[in-house]
Amino acid sequence: GAVRNRGGYFSVAGGQFVPLRSITTESVWITADAAQLAEISRLAGTDVGALTPRVADTYTLADAAKAYERVAAGGVRGRLVLIP
């Protein structure tokens, strides 16, 4: 699967998650707070380019199955991001 056994993932979608294969799930509440985002960026080092996320591609939630198939096929360099 996309998450290994006993792995974990975060979601901004919210809602209840059914625990499967001992996978840890966490929901994250995100607000539009520029000052807070700037402080988080500073602490994470992104303001100086310390973190460079590698995003291979983005998919809508309607295309989540396509994203899963791409991961299952292997060879993806970077992360696939689902956009609500």
Protein backbone atom coordinates (compact mmCIF):
# COMPACT_ATOMS: atom_id res chain seq x y z
CA GLY A 1 0.00 0.00 0.00
CA ALA A 2 0.90 3.66 -0.03
CA VAL A 3 1.59 3.53 3.74
CA ARG A 4 3.68 0.73 5.21
CA ASN A 5 2.41 -1.38 8.10
CA ARG A 6 2.77 0.53 11.38
CA GLY A 7 3.51 3.69 9.33
CA GLY A 8 1.67 6.96 9.58
CA TYR A 9 0.25 9.88 7.66
CA PHE A 10 -1.32 13.28 8.23
CA SER A 11 -4.51 14.56 6.66
CA VAL A 12 -5.97 18.02 6.30
CA ALA A 13 -9.29 16.51 5.20
CA GLY A 14 -10.47 15.81 8.76
CA GLY A 15 -13.07 13.23 9.67
CA GLN A 16 -12.84 9.85 11.36
CA PHE A 17 -10.22 7.36 10.21
CA VAL A 18 -10.52 3.60 10.55
CA PRO A 19 -7.26 2.17 11.93
CA LEU A 20 -5.86 -0.43 9.53
CA ARG A 21 -2.62 -2.43 9.75
CA SER A 22 -1.58 -0.42 12.84
CA ILE A 23 -1.24 2.74 10.71
CA THR A 24 -1.25 5.95 12.75
CA THR A 25 -3.43 8.75 11.42
CA GLU A 26 -3.47 12.40 12.48
CA SER A 27 -5.68 15.23 11.30
CA VAL A 28 -4.16 18.69 11.04
CA TRP A 29 -6.19 21.89 11.28
CA ILE A 30 -4.77 24.61 9.06
CA THR A 31 -5.78 28.26 9.27
CA ALA A 32 -4.85 31.22 7.11
CA ASP A 33 -2.55 32.96 9.59
CA ALA A 34 0.35 34.67 7.83
CA ALA A 35 2.27 35.45 11.03
CA GLN A 36 2.03 31.86 12.26
CA LEU A 37 3.06 30.50 8.85
CA ALA A 38 6.05 32.86 8.78
CA GLU A 39 7.14 31.67 12.24
CA ILE A 40 6.74 28.00 11.32
CA SER A 41 8.71 28.60 8.12
CA ARG A 42 11.45 30.34 10.08
CA LEU A 43 11.66 27.49 12.61
CA ALA A 44 11.69 24.87 9.85
CA GLY A 45 14.40 26.71 7.96
CA THR A 46 12.33 27.12 4.82
CA ASP A 47 12.93 30.85 4.79
CA VAL A 48 16.56 30.12 3.90
CA GLY A 49 15.85 27.17 1.62
CA ALA A 50 16.85 24.47 4.13
CA LEU A 51 13.87 22.32 3.16
CA THR A 52 13.04 21.58 -0.44
CA PRO A 53 10.07 19.24 -0.73
CA ARG A 54 10.14 17.04 -3.79
CA VAL A 55 6.65 16.86 -5.27
CA ALA A 56 6.43 14.49 -8.21
CA ASP A 57 2.85 15.40 -9.11
CA THR A 58 -0.52 16.56 -7.78
CA TYR A 59 -3.91 14.88 -8.13
CA THR A 60 -7.45 15.88 -7.25
CA LEU A 61 -9.25 13.69 -4.73
CA ALA A 62 -11.35 12.40 -7.61
CA ASP A 63 -8.12 11.06 -9.16
CA ALA A 64 -6.82 9.48 -5.93
CA ALA A 65 -7.05 6.00 -7.47
CA LYS A 66 -4.75 7.12 -10.30
CA ALA A 67 -2.27 8.45 -7.75
CA TYR A 68 -2.38 5.15 -5.87
CA GLU A 69 -1.82 3.19 -9.08
CA ARG A 70 1.19 5.35 -9.87
CA VAL A 71 2.71 4.73 -6.43
CA ALA A 72 1.95 1.01 -6.66
CA ALA A 73 3.70 0.82 -10.04
CA GLY A 74 6.88 2.10 -8.39
CA GLY A 75 9.52 4.48 -9.60
CA VAL A 76 7.96 7.69 -8.24
CA ARG A 77 10.66 10.13 -7.15
CA GLY A 78 9.10 12.55 -4.69
CA ARG A 79 5.64 12.71 -3.22
CA LEU A 80 2.27 12.67 -4.85
CA VAL A 81 -0.01 15.32 -3.36
CA LEU A 82 -3.80 15.00 -3.22
CA ILE A 83 -5.59 18.34 -3.58
CA PRO A 84 -9.12 18.62 -2.11
